[in-house]
Amino acid sequence: MRKTIILCILICMAYMLFPAPEAKAMDPVTMALLAPVALSLAEKAKPYVIKGLKNGLKGLMYMGKDMIDIFRLPIGVLQATVGIPFGGLKPGLRNLVLGGIAPFKLAFHTVLMPAMFCGLTIN
């Protein structure tokens, strides 16, 4: 046990005395040569990036709808209990079921979000 502690202290001291070299910026000539290539590649990739962002936005809209549907659970409880004399049992049970399913739908859409950016479409 004592040898292990001494070894750990020595290794820590070695890392403190001899740190990793710092990263240096690229020289301006290399950046000047690579900038036109990067711009042309960005122009070619632009339609695919926009398409992926549109698909991701659809996924975010699904997730937003699911988040709003979570609030149907307490509304359904109120409708199914207090609203029974006023004919609120049927819509209350519907809201209870939709509100109970919503967290699972939200988790499902959250897991599928990276695939949606790639173009996977779901209903």
Protein backbone atom coordinates (compact mmCIF):
# COMPACT_ATOMS: atom_id res chain seq x y z
CA MET A 1 0.00 0.00 0.00
CA ARG A 2 2.79 2.39 0.88
CA LYS A 3 4.60 1.64 -2.39
CA THR A 4 1.47 2.42 -4.37
CA ILE A 5 1.05 5.79 -2.68
CA ILE A 6 4.70 6.70 -3.24
CA LEU A 7 4.41 5.66 -6.91
CA CYS A 8 1.28 7.81 -7.37
CA ILE A 9 3.03 10.81 -5.78
CA LEU A 10 6.06 10.36 -8.06
CA ILE A 11 3.91 10.10 -11.16
CA CYS A 12 1.97 13.25 -10.18
CA MET A 13 5.21 15.12 -9.59
CA ALA A 14 6.55 14.03 -12.97
CA TYR A 15 3.39 15.33 -14.69
CA MET A 16 3.71 18.63 -12.83
CA LEU A 17 7.39 19.07 -13.65
CA PHE A 18 7.10 18.04 -17.32
CA PRO A 19 3.68 19.22 -18.61
CA ALA A 20 2.40 18.43 -22.09
CA PRO A 21 3.49 20.90 -24.76
CA GLU A 22 0.99 23.62 -25.60
CA ALA A 23 -0.82 23.56 -28.92
CA LYS A 24 0.30 26.20 -31.38
CA ALA A 25 -1.85 27.92 -33.95
CA MET A 26 -1.43 27.16 -37.63
CA ASP A 27 0.70 29.54 -39.58
CA PRO A 28 -1.09 32.11 -41.78
CA VAL A 29 0.18 30.58 -45.01
CA THR A 30 -1.45 27.22 -44.30
CA MET A 31 -4.70 28.92 -43.32
CA ALA A 32 -4.65 30.99 -46.50
CA LEU A 33 -4.19 27.85 -48.59
CA LEU A 34 -6.93 25.87 -46.86
CA ALA A 35 -9.60 28.60 -46.61
CA PRO A 36 -10.77 28.38 -50.25
CA VAL A 37 -11.00 24.59 -50.02
CA ALA A 38 -13.05 24.82 -46.83
CA LEU A 39 -15.39 27.38 -48.38
CA SER A 40 -16.01 25.27 -51.47
CA LEU A 41 -16.72 22.21 -49.32
CA ALA A 42 -19.11 24.23 -47.17
CA GLU A 43 -20.99 25.39 -50.28
CA LYS A 44 -21.34 21.79 -51.47
CA ALA A 45 -22.57 20.61 -48.06
CA LYS A 46 -25.02 23.50 -47.57
CA PRO A 47 -28.16 21.77 -49.00
CA TYR A 48 -27.57 18.67 -46.88
CA VAL A 49 -27.04 20.70 -43.73
CA ILE A 50 -30.22 22.69 -44.32
CA LYS A 51 -32.17 19.48 -45.00
CA GLY A 52 -30.85 17.96 -41.77
CA LEU A 53 -31.78 21.06 -39.78
CA LYS A 54 -35.32 20.97 -41.21
CA ASN A 55 -35.68 17.33 -40.21
CA GLY A 56 -34.31 18.12 -36.75
CA LEU A 57 -36.82 20.94 -36.40
CA LYS A 58 -39.63 18.48 -37.10
CA GLY A 59 -38.26 16.26 -34.34
CA LEU A 60 -38.14 19.20 -31.95
CA MET A 61 -41.77 19.94 -32.76
CA TYR A 62 -42.71 16.35 -31.90
CA MET A 63 -40.87 16.71 -28.60
CA GLY A 64 -42.58 20.02 -27.85
CA LYS A 65 -46.00 18.48 -28.47
CA ASP A 66 -45.10 15.63 -26.13
CA MET A 67 -44.03 18.09 -23.44
CA ILE A 68 -47.35 19.89 -23.70
CA ASP A 69 -49.23 16.56 -23.62
CA ILE A 70 -47.65 15.78 -20.23
CA PHE A 71 -49.85 18.52 -18.73
CA ARG A 72 -52.93 16.59 -19.84
CA LEU A 73 -52.45 14.19 -16.93
CA PRO A 74 -53.44 16.60 -14.12
CA ILE A 75 -56.15 18.11 -16.32
CA GLY A 76 -57.54 14.63 -16.90
CA VAL A 77 -57.54 13.89 -13.18
CA LEU A 78 -59.55 17.04 -12.53
CA GLN A 79 -61.96 16.33 -15.38
CA ALA A 80 -62.46 12.70 -14.35
CA THR A 81 -63.13 13.53 -10.68
CA VAL A 82 -64.63 17.00 -10.41
CA GLY A 83 -66.19 17.03 -13.87
CA ILE A 84 -68.23 13.82 -13.56
CA PRO A 85 -71.50 15.68 -12.81
CA PHE A 86 -70.90 17.87 -15.84
CA GLY A 87 -70.16 15.07 -18.31
CA GLY A 88 -66.39 15.29 -18.01
CA LEU A 89 -65.62 11.63 -17.45
CA LYS A 90 -65.01 10.66 -21.09
CA PRO A 91 -62.70 13.61 -21.95
CA GLY A 92 -61.06 13.23 -18.54
CA LEU A 93 -60.18 9.59 -19.18
CA ARG A 94 -58.92 10.51 -22.64
CA ASN A 95 -56.65 13.19 -21.16
CA LEU A 96 -55.49 10.77 -18.47
CA VAL A 97 -54.42 8.22 -21.07
CA LEU A 98 -52.76 10.78 -23.36
CA GLY A 99 -51.01 12.42 -20.40
CA GLY A 100 -49.79 9.06 -19.13
CA ILE A 101 -48.35 8.05 -22.50
CA ALA A 102 -46.70 11.44 -23.19
CA PRO A 103 -43.52 10.95 -21.08
CA PHE A 104 -42.77 7.71 -22.89
CA LYS A 105 -43.35 9.34 -26.27
CA LEU A 106 -41.06 12.19 -25.22
CA ALA A 107 -38.31 9.75 -24.25
CA PHE A 108 -38.76 7.87 -27.53
CA HIS A 109 -38.53 11.05 -29.61
CA THR A 110 -35.52 12.22 -27.59
CA VAL A 111 -33.66 8.98 -28.29
CA LEU A 112 -34.51 9.22 -32.00
CA MET A 113 -33.45 12.88 -32.29
CA PRO A 114 -29.98 12.19 -33.77
CA ALA A 115 -31.54 9.89 -36.37
CA MET A 116 -34.08 12.59 -37.22
CA PHE A 117 -31.25 14.98 -38.08
CA CYS A 118 -30.04 12.34 -40.54
CA GLY A 119 -33.44 12.13 -42.25
CA LEU A 120 -35.43 9.47 -40.39
CA THR A 121 -39.11 10.42 -40.42
CA ILE A 122 -41.69 9.09 -37.99
CA ASN A 123 -45.36 9.85 -37.51
